[in-house]
């Protein structure tokens, strides 16, 4: 039972670390704190949650799909909004 808590804590901690690394890299490269990064994280979270509710797939297994969809949303936002500016 304790092992399950430790595994969950390591996974959640790793996810927070990935979010912090992405935000830090964005700030270091642009010198502007881009809080839109949280929106893309939210897109990934909602994707994992939707796949879990519709197909009963564990969110741990849908992480790759969530990363891809959030990355595509980021690329589309860049191409349609930021690049024309």
PDB file of N, CA and C in Angstrom:
ATOM      1  N   UNK A   1       0.828  -1.195   0.000  1.00  0.00           N
ATOM      2  CA  UNK A   1       0.000   0.000   0.000  1.00  0.00           C
ATOM      3  C   UNK A   1       0.872   1.259   0.000  1.00  0.00           C
ATOM      4  N   UNK A   2       1.893   1.246   0.810  1.00  0.00           N
ATOM      5  CA  UNK A   2       2.789   2.401   0.881  1.00  0.00           C
ATOM      6  C   UNK A   2       3.520   2.590  -0.435  1.00  0.00           C
ATOM      7  N   UNK A   3       3.832   1.480  -1.101  1.00  0.00           N
ATOM      8  CA  UNK A   3       4.537   1.568  -2.388  1.00  0.00           C
ATOM      9  C   UNK A   3       3.720   2.329  -3.420  1.00  0.00           C
ATOM     10  N   UNK A   4       2.414   2.138  -3.406  1.00  0.00           N
ATOM     11  CA  UNK A   4       1.552   2.846  -4.355  1.00  0.00           C
ATOM     12  C   UNK A   4       1.596   4.344  -4.101  1.00  0.00           C
ATOM     13  N   UNK A   5       1.619   4.746  -2.829  1.00  0.00           N
ATOM     14  CA  UNK A   5       1.710   6.170  -2.504  1.00  0.00           C
ATOM     15  C   UNK A   5       3.048   6.757  -2.935  1.00  0.00           C
ATOM     16  N   UNK A   6       4.101   6.003  -2.765  1.00  0.00           N
ATOM     17  CA  UNK A   6       5.431   6.477  -3.154  1.00  0.00           C
ATOM     18  C   UNK A   6       5.506   6.633  -4.668  1.00  0.00           C
ATOM     19  N   UNK A   7       4.990   5.658  -5.398  1.00  0.00           N
ATOM     20  CA  UNK A   7       4.997   5.729  -6.864  1.00  0.00           C
ATOM     21  C   UNK A   7       4.171   6.925  -7.343  1.00  0.00           C
ATOM     22  N   UNK A   8       2.989   7.119  -6.748  1.00  0.00           N
ATOM     23  CA  UNK A   8       2.150   8.266  -7.132  1.00  0.00           C
ATOM     24  C   UNK A   8       2.842   9.585  -6.809  1.00  0.00           C
ATOM     25  N   UNK A   9       3.498   9.656  -5.663  1.00  0.00           N
ATOM     26  CA  UNK A   9       4.197  10.883  -5.283  1.00  0.00           C
ATOM     27  C   UNK A   9       5.348  11.183  -6.246  1.00  0.00           C
ATOM     28  N   UNK A  10       6.072  10.160  -6.654  1.00  0.00           N
ATOM     29  CA  UNK A  10       7.172  10.364  -7.608  1.00  0.00           C
ATOM     30  C   UNK A  10       6.625  10.827  -8.958  1.00  0.00           C
ATOM     31  N   UNK A  11       5.532  10.247  -9.409  1.00  0.00           N
ATOM     32  CA  UNK A  11       4.944  10.631 -10.691  1.00  0.00           C
ATOM     33  C   UNK A  11       4.437  12.070 -10.642  1.00  0.00           C
ATOM     34  N   UNK A  12       3.690  12.419  -9.589  1.00  0.00           N
ATOM     35  CA  UNK A  12       3.177  13.783  -9.486  1.00  0.00           C
ATOM     36  C   UNK A  12       4.314  14.791  -9.335  1.00  0.00           C
ATOM     37  N   UNK A  13       5.316  14.455  -8.561  1.00  0.00           N
ATOM     38  CA  UNK A  13       6.468  15.333  -8.417  1.00  0.00           C
ATOM     39  C   UNK A  13       7.193  15.533  -9.729  1.00  0.00           C
ATOM     40  N   UNK A  14       7.299  14.469 -10.519  1.00  0.00           N
ATOM     41  CA  UNK A  14       7.939  14.574 -11.830  1.00  0.00           C
ATOM     42  C   UNK A  14       7.136  15.470 -12.768  1.00  0.00           C
ATOM     43  N   UNK A  15       5.816  15.374 -12.700  1.00  0.00           N
ATOM     44  CA  UNK A  15       4.977  16.230 -13.539  1.00  0.00           C
ATOM     45  C   UNK A  15       5.141  17.704 -13.160  1.00  0.00           C
ATOM     46  N   UNK A  16       5.188  17.988 -11.858  1.00  0.00           N
ATOM     47  CA  UNK A  16       5.413  19.366 -11.430  1.00  0.00           C
ATOM     48  C   UNK A  16       6.791  19.851 -11.856  1.00  0.00           C
ATOM     49  N   UNK A  17       7.780  18.977 -11.803  1.00  0.00           N
ATOM     50  CA  UNK A  17       9.132  19.350 -12.236  1.00  0.00           C
ATOM     51  C   UNK A  17       9.146  19.660 -13.733  1.00  0.00           C
ATOM     52  N   UNK A  18       8.452  18.856 -14.535  1.00  0.00           N
ATOM     53  CA  UNK A  18       8.380  19.128 -15.977  1.00  0.00           C
ATOM     54  C   UNK A  18       7.708  20.473 -16.260  1.00  0.00           C
ATOM     55  N   UNK A  19       6.641  20.761 -15.511  1.00  0.00           N
ATOM     56  CA  UNK A  19       5.970  22.047 -15.698  1.00  0.00           C
ATOM     57  C   UNK A  19       6.905  23.199 -15.321  1.00  0.00           C
ATOM     58  N   UNK A  20       7.622  23.051 -14.227  1.00  0.00           N
ATOM     59  CA  UNK A  20       8.537  24.107 -13.785  1.00  0.00           C
ATOM     60  C   UNK A  20       9.695  24.285 -14.762  1.00  0.00           C
ATOM     61  N   UNK A  21      10.208  23.195 -15.304  1.00  0.00           N
ATOM     62  CA  UNK A  21      11.302  23.281 -16.273  1.00  0.00           C
ATOM     63  C   UNK A  21      10.844  24.011 -17.533  1.00  0.00           C
ATOM     64  N   UNK A  22       9.655  23.691 -18.016  1.00  0.00           N
ATOM     65  CA  UNK A  22       9.139  24.368 -19.209  1.00  0.00           C
ATOM     66  C   UNK A  22       8.953  25.861 -18.981  1.00  0.00           C
ATOM     67  N   UNK A  23       8.404  26.225 -17.836  1.00  0.00           N
ATOM     68  CA  UNK A  23       8.217  27.639 -17.527  1.00  0.00           C
ATOM     69  C   UNK A  23       9.550  28.350 -17.381  1.00  0.00           C
ATOM     70  N   UNK A  24      10.515  27.696 -16.754  1.00  0.00           N
ATOM     71  CA  UNK A  24      11.842  28.282 -16.572  1.00  0.00           C
ATOM     72  C   UNK A  24      12.555  28.466 -17.905  1.00  0.00           C
ATOM     73  N   UNK A  25      12.492  27.459 -18.775  1.00  0.00           N
ATOM     74  CA  UNK A  25      13.133  27.588 -20.086  1.00  0.00           C
ATOM     75  C   UNK A  25      12.506  28.707 -20.915  1.00  0.00           C
ATOM     76  N   UNK A  26      11.205  28.846 -20.827  1.00  0.00           N
ATOM     77  CA  UNK A  26      10.536  29.927 -21.539  1.00  0.00           C
ATOM     78  C   UNK A  26      11.012  31.276 -21.025  1.00  0.00           C
ATOM     79  N   UNK A  27      11.138  31.402 -19.712  1.00  0.00           N
ATOM     80  CA  UNK A  27      11.588  32.663 -19.144  1.00  0.00           C
ATOM     81  C   UNK A  27      13.054  32.950 -19.481  1.00  0.00           C
ATOM     82  N   UNK A  28      13.890  31.921 -19.422  1.00  0.00           N
ATOM     83  CA  UNK A  28      15.311  32.118 -19.699  1.00  0.00           C
ATOM     84  C   UNK A  28      15.570  32.519 -21.156  1.00  0.00           C
ATOM     85  N   UNK A  29      14.791  31.980 -22.076  1.00  0.00           N
ATOM     86  CA  UNK A  29      15.034  32.273 -23.491  1.00  0.00           C
ATOM     87  C   UNK A  29      14.417  33.593 -23.937  1.00  0.00           C
ATOM     88  N   UNK A  30      13.300  33.995 -23.336  1.00  0.00           N
ATOM     89  CA  UNK A  30      12.624  35.210 -23.786  1.00  0.00           C
ATOM     90  C   UNK A  30      12.719  36.366 -22.805  1.00  0.00           C
ATOM     91  N   UNK A  31      13.124  36.095 -21.582  1.00  0.00           N
ATOM     92  CA  UNK A  31      13.174  37.092 -20.501  1.00  0.00           C
ATOM     93  C   UNK A  31      11.795  37.684 -20.197  1.00  0.00           C
ATOM     94  N   UNK A  32      10.763  36.944 -20.571  1.00  0.00           N
ATOM     95  CA  UNK A  32       9.387  37.345 -20.284  1.00  0.00           C
ATOM     96  C   UNK A  32       8.684  36.163 -19.647  1.00  0.00           C
ATOM     97  N   UNK A  33       8.070  36.356 -18.482  1.00  0.00           N
ATOM     98  CA  UNK A  33       7.324  35.230 -17.897  1.00  0.00           C
ATOM     99  C   UNK A  33       6.043  34.969 -18.691  1.00  0.00           C
ATOM    100  N   UNK A  34       5.993  33.846 -19.379  1.00  0.00           N
ATOM    101  CA  UNK A  34       4.856  33.508 -20.229  1.00  0.00           C
ATOM    102  C   UNK A  34       3.934  32.568 -19.461  1.00  0.00           C
ATOM    103  N   UNK A  35       2.874  33.136 -18.911  1.00  0.00           N
ATOM    104  CA  UNK A  35       1.960  32.337 -18.114  1.00  0.00           C
ATOM    105  C   UNK A  35       0.959  31.577 -18.969  1.00  0.00           C
ATOM    106  N   UNK A  36       1.007  31.751 -20.289  1.00  0.00           N
ATOM    107  CA  UNK A  36       0.171  30.964 -21.181  1.00  0.00           C
ATOM    108  C   UNK A  36       0.606  29.501 -21.166  1.00  0.00           C
ATOM    109  N   UNK A  37       1.810  29.264 -20.683  1.00  0.00           N
ATOM    110  CA  UNK A  37       2.315  27.903 -20.565  1.00  0.00           C
ATOM    111  C   UNK A  37       1.360  27.048 -19.735  1.00  0.00           C
ATOM    112  N   UNK A  38       0.764  27.636 -18.724  1.00  0.00           N
ATOM    113  CA  UNK A  38      -0.207  26.918 -17.901  1.00  0.00           C
ATOM    114  C   UNK A  38      -1.423  26.481 -18.690  1.00  0.00           C
ATOM    115  N   UNK A  39      -1.783  27.229 -19.707  1.00  0.00           N
ATOM    116  CA  UNK A  39      -2.917  26.854 -20.559  1.00  0.00           C
ATOM    117  C   UNK A  39      -2.626  25.567 -21.311  1.00  0.00           C
ATOM    118  N   UNK A  40      -1.394  25.441 -21.774  1.00  0.00           N
ATOM    119  CA  UNK A  40      -1.042  24.226 -22.512  1.00  0.00           C
ATOM    120  C   UNK A  40      -0.958  23.018 -21.577  1.00  0.00           C
ATOM    121  N   UNK A  41      -0.528  23.247 -20.361  1.00  0.00           N
ATOM    122  CA  UNK A  41      -0.541  22.169 -19.367  1.00  0.00           C
ATOM    123  C   UNK A  41      -1.979  21.751 -19.090  1.00  0.00           C
ATOM    124  N   UNK A  42      -2.876  22.736 -18.983  1.00  0.00           N
ATOM    125  CA  UNK A  42      -4.287  22.433 -18.745  1.00  0.00           C
ATOM    126  C   UNK A  42      -4.890  21.647 -19.907  1.00  0.00           C
ATOM    127  N   UNK A  43      -4.501  21.965 -21.140  1.00  0.00           N
ATOM    128  CA  UNK A  43      -4.990  21.209 -22.299  1.00  0.00           C
ATOM    129  C   UNK A  43      -4.559  19.747 -22.176  1.00  0.00           C
ATOM    130  N   UNK A  44      -3.318  19.524 -21.790  1.00  0.00           N
ATOM    131  CA  UNK A  44      -2.835  18.157 -21.597  1.00  0.00           C
ATOM    132  C   UNK A  44      -3.572  17.435 -20.482  1.00  0.00           C
ATOM    133  N   UNK A  45      -3.836  18.140 -19.387  1.00  0.00           N
ATOM    134  CA  UNK A  45      -4.541  17.524 -18.266  1.00  0.00           C
ATOM    135  C   UNK A  45      -5.968  17.157 -18.669  1.00  0.00           C
ATOM    136  N   UNK A  46      -6.649  18.073 -19.355  1.00  0.00           N
ATOM    137  CA  UNK A  46      -8.022  17.775 -19.787  1.00  0.00           C
ATOM    138  C   UNK A  46      -8.059  16.654 -20.820  1.00  0.00           C
ATOM    139  N   UNK A  47      -7.041  16.554 -21.648  1.00  0.00           N
ATOM    140  CA  UNK A  47      -6.974  15.452 -22.607  1.00  0.00           C
ATOM    141  C   UNK A  47      -6.854  14.124 -21.876  1.00  0.00           C
ATOM    142  N   UNK A  48      -5.962  14.059 -20.905  1.00  0.00           N
ATOM    143  CA  UNK A  48      -5.798  12.826 -20.136  1.00  0.00           C
ATOM    144  C   UNK A  48      -7.080  12.480 -19.383  1.00  0.00           C
ATOM    145  N   UNK A  49      -7.727  13.484 -18.823  1.00  0.00           N
ATOM    146  CA  UNK A  49      -8.962  13.249 -18.075  1.00  0.00           C
ATOM    147  C   UNK A  49     -10.084  12.756 -18.992  1.00  0.00           C
ATOM    148  N   UNK A  50     -10.195  13.362 -20.181  1.00  0.00           N
ATOM    149  CA  UNK A  50     -11.232  12.950 -21.124  1.00  0.00           C
ATOM    150  C   UNK A  50     -11.010  11.513 -21.587  1.00  0.00           C
ATOM    151  N   UNK A  51      -9.762  11.184 -21.896  1.00  0.00           N
ATOM    152  CA  UNK A  51      -9.482   9.800 -22.302  1.00  0.00           C
ATOM    153  C   UNK A  51      -9.772   8.819 -21.172  1.00  0.00           C
ATOM    154  N   UNK A  52      -9.514   9.252 -19.952  1.00  0.00           N
ATOM    155  CA  UNK A  52      -9.809   8.400 -18.800  1.00  0.00           C
ATOM    156  C   UNK A  52     -11.313   8.179 -18.654  1.00  0.00           C
ATOM    157  N   UNK A  53     -12.089   9.244 -18.768  1.00  0.00           N
ATOM    158  CA  UNK A  53     -13.537   9.125 -18.585  1.00  0.00           C
ATOM    159  C   UNK A  53     -14.214   8.393 -19.740  1.00  0.00           C
ATOM    160  N   UNK A  54     -13.786   8.633 -20.971  1.00  0.00           N
ATOM    161  CA  UNK A  54     -14.448   8.020 -22.124  1.00  0.00           C
ATOM    162  C   UNK A  54     -14.009   6.582 -22.360  1.00  0.00           C
ATOM    163  N   UNK A  55     -12.717   6.305 -22.198  1.00  0.00           N
ATOM    164  CA  UNK A  55     -12.191   4.984 -22.547  1.00  0.00           C
ATOM    165  C   UNK A  55     -11.666   4.192 -21.358  1.00  0.00           C
ATOM    166  N   UNK A  56     -11.751   4.762 -20.166  1.00  0.00           N
ATOM    167  CA  UNK A  56     -11.262   4.120 -18.941  1.00  0.00           C
ATOM    168  C   UNK A  56      -9.786   3.729 -19.045  1.00  0.00           C
ATOM    169  N   UNK A  57      -9.005   4.601 -19.703  1.00  0.00           N
ATOM    170  CA  UNK A  57      -7.569   4.390 -19.809  1.00  0.00           C
ATOM    171  C   UNK A  57      -6.908   5.195 -18.698  1.00  0.00           C
ATOM    172  N   UNK A  58      -5.951   4.614 -18.039  1.00  0.00           N
ATOM    173  CA  UNK A  58      -5.255   5.298 -16.954  1.00  0.00           C
ATOM    174  C   UNK A  58      -4.570   6.559 -17.474  1.00  0.00           C
ATOM    175  N   UNK A  59      -4.667   7.660 -16.729  1.00  0.00           N
ATOM    176  CA  UNK A  59      -3.994   8.890 -17.166  1.00  0.00           C
ATOM    177  C   UNK A  59      -2.483   8.723 -17.310  1.00  0.00           C
ATOM    178  N   UNK A  60      -1.898   7.792 -16.616  1.00  0.00           N
ATOM    179  CA  UNK A  60      -0.461   7.557 -16.750  1.00  0.00           C
ATOM    180  C   UNK A  60      -0.127   7.027 -18.143  1.00  0.00           C
ATOM    181  N   UNK A  61      -1.044   6.283 -18.738  1.00  0.00           N
ATOM    182  CA  UNK A  61      -0.813   5.740 -20.069  1.00  0.00           C
ATOM    183  C   UNK A  61      -1.149   6.740 -21.176  1.00  0.00           C
ATOM    184  N   UNK A  62      -1.964   7.736 -20.845  1.00  0.00           N
ATOM    185  CA  UNK A  62      -2.347   8.722 -21.857  1.00  0.00           C
ATOM    186  C   UNK A  62      -1.422   9.941 -21.856  1.00  0.00           C
ATOM    187  N   UNK A  63      -0.354   9.894 -21.097  1.00  0.00           N
ATOM    188  CA  UNK A  63       0.546  11.045 -20.988  1.00  0.00           C
ATOM    189  C   UNK A  63       1.140  11.414 -22.343  1.00  0.00           C
ATOM    190  N   UNK A  64       1.522  10.426 -23.127  1.00  0.00           N
ATOM    191  CA  UNK A  64       2.131  10.703 -24.429  1.00  0.00           C
ATOM    192  C   UNK A  64       1.130  11.408 -25.340  1.00  0.00           C
ATOM    193  N   UNK A  65      -0.089  10.923 -25.375  1.00  0.00           N
ATOM    194  CA  UNK A  65      -1.125  11.547 -26.199  1.00  0.00           C
ATOM    195  C   UNK A  65      -1.384  12.978 -25.720  1.00  0.00           C
ATOM    196  N   UNK A  66      -1.404  13.168 -24.408  1.00  0.00           N
ATOM    197  CA  UNK A  66      -1.637  14.499 -23.853  1.00  0.00           C
ATOM    198  C   UNK A  66      -0.520  15.463 -24.221  1.00  0.00           C
ATOM    199  N   UNK A  67       0.738  14.993 -24.159  1.00  0.00           N
ATOM    200  CA  UNK A  67       1.866  15.834 -24.547  1.00  0.00           C
ATOM    201  C   UNK A  67       1.778  16.229 -26.015  1.00  0.00           C
ATOM    202  N   UNK A  68       1.403  15.292 -26.853  1.00  0.00           N
ATOM    203  CA  UNK A  68       1.321  15.569 -28.292  1.00  0.00           C
ATOM    204  C   UNK A  68       0.216  16.579 -28.580  1.00  0.00           C
ATOM    205  N   UNK A  69      -0.943  16.401 -27.986  1.00  0.00           N
ATOM    206  CA  UNK A  69      -2.057  17.311 -28.241  1.00  0.00           C
ATOM    207  C   UNK A  69      -1.750  18.709 -27.711  1.00  0.00           C
ATOM    208  N   UNK A  70      -1.164  18.806 -26.529  1.00  0.00           N
ATOM    209  CA  UNK A  70      -0.790  20.121 -25.994  1.00  0.00           C
ATOM    210  C   UNK A  70       0.295  20.765 -26.862  1.00  0.00           C
ATOM    211  N   UNK A  71       1.237  19.969 -27.353  1.00  0.00           N
ATOM    212  CA  UNK A  71       2.267  20.499 -28.246  1.00  0.00           C
ATOM    213  C   UNK A  71       1.685  20.993 -29.552  1.00  0.00           C
ATOM    214  N   UNK A  72       0.721  20.269 -30.101  1.00  0.00           N
ATOM    215  CA  UNK A  72       0.055  20.712 -31.329  1.00  0.00           C
ATOM    216  C   UNK A  72      -0.722  22.007 -31.098  1.00  0.00           C
ATOM    217  N   UNK A  73      -1.375  22.107 -29.942  1.00  0.00           N
ATOM    218  CA  UNK A  73      -2.098  23.339 -29.618  1.00  0.00           C
ATOM    219  C   UNK A  73      -1.126  24.511 -29.528  1.00  0.00           C
ATOM    220  N   UNK A  74       0.037  24.262 -28.956  1.00  0.00           N
ATOM    221  CA  UNK A  74       1.059  25.302 -28.860  1.00  0.00           C
ATOM    222  C   UNK A  74       1.557  25.719 -30.245  1.00  0.00           C
ATOM    223  N   UNK A  75       1.806  24.752 -31.103  1.00  0.00           N
ATOM    224  CA  UNK A  75       2.282  25.054 -32.458  1.00  0.00           C
ATOM    225  C   UNK A  75       1.228  25.807 -33.262  1.00  0.00           C
ATOM    226  N   UNK A  76      -0.021  25.420 -33.138  1.00  0.00           N
ATOM    227  CA  UNK A  76      -1.111  26.101 -33.849  1.00  0.00           C
ATOM    228  C   UNK A  76      -1.236  27.539 -33.348  1.00  0.00           C
ATOM    229  N   UNK A  77      -1.129  27.726 -32.029  1.00  0.00           N
ATOM    230  CA  UNK A  77      -1.210  29.075 -31.482  1.00  0.00           C
ATOM    231  C   UNK A  77      -0.060  29.940 -31.992  1.00  0.00           C
ATOM    232  N   UNK A  78       1.112  29.362 -32.086  1.00  0.00           N
ATOM    233  CA  UNK A  78       2.264  30.102 -32.598  1.00  0.00           C
ATOM    234  C   UNK A  78       2.054  30.485 -34.069  1.00  0.00           C
ATOM    235  N   UNK A  79       1.635  29.524 -34.869  1.00  0.00           N
ATOM    236  CA  UNK A  79       1.493  29.774 -36.297  1.00  0.00           C
ATOM    237  C   UNK A  79       0.366  30.741 -36.630  1.00  0.00           C
ATOM    238  N   UNK A  80      -0.738  30.656 -35.905  1.00  0.00           N
ATOM    239  CA  UNK A  80      -1.897  31.484 -36.232  1.00  0.00           C
ATOM    240  C   UNK A  80      -1.937  32.829 -35.513  1.00  0.00           C
ATOM    241  N   UNK A  81      -1.299  32.906 -34.347  1.00  0.00           N
ATOM    242  CA  UNK A  81      -1.397  34.142 -33.554  1.00  0.00           C
ATOM    243  C   UNK A  81      -0.073  34.886 -33.477  1.00  0.00           C
ATOM    244  N   UNK A  82       0.956  34.213 -33.034  1.00  0.00           N
ATOM    245  CA  UNK A  82       2.219  34.909 -32.759  1.00  0.00           C
ATOM    246  C   UNK A  82       3.042  35.214 -34.007  1.00  0.00           C
ATOM    247  N   UNK A  83       3.127  34.282 -34.914  1.00  0.00           N
ATOM    248  CA  UNK A  83       3.964  34.495 -36.093  1.00  0.00           C
ATOM    249  C   UNK A  83       3.474  35.676 -36.947  1.00  0.00           C
ATOM    250  N   UNK A  84       2.156  35.814 -37.177  1.00  0.00           N
ATOM    251  CA  UNK A  84       1.702  36.983 -37.946  1.00  0.00           C
ATOM    252  C   UNK A  84       2.010  38.326 -37.274  1.00  0.00           C
ATOM    253  N   UNK A  85       2.155  38.317 -35.955  1.00  0.00           N
ATOM    254  CA  UNK A  85       2.466  39.576 -35.258  1.00  0.00           C
ATOM    255  C   UNK A  85       3.874  40.010 -35.561  1.00  0.00           C
TER     256      UNK A  85
END
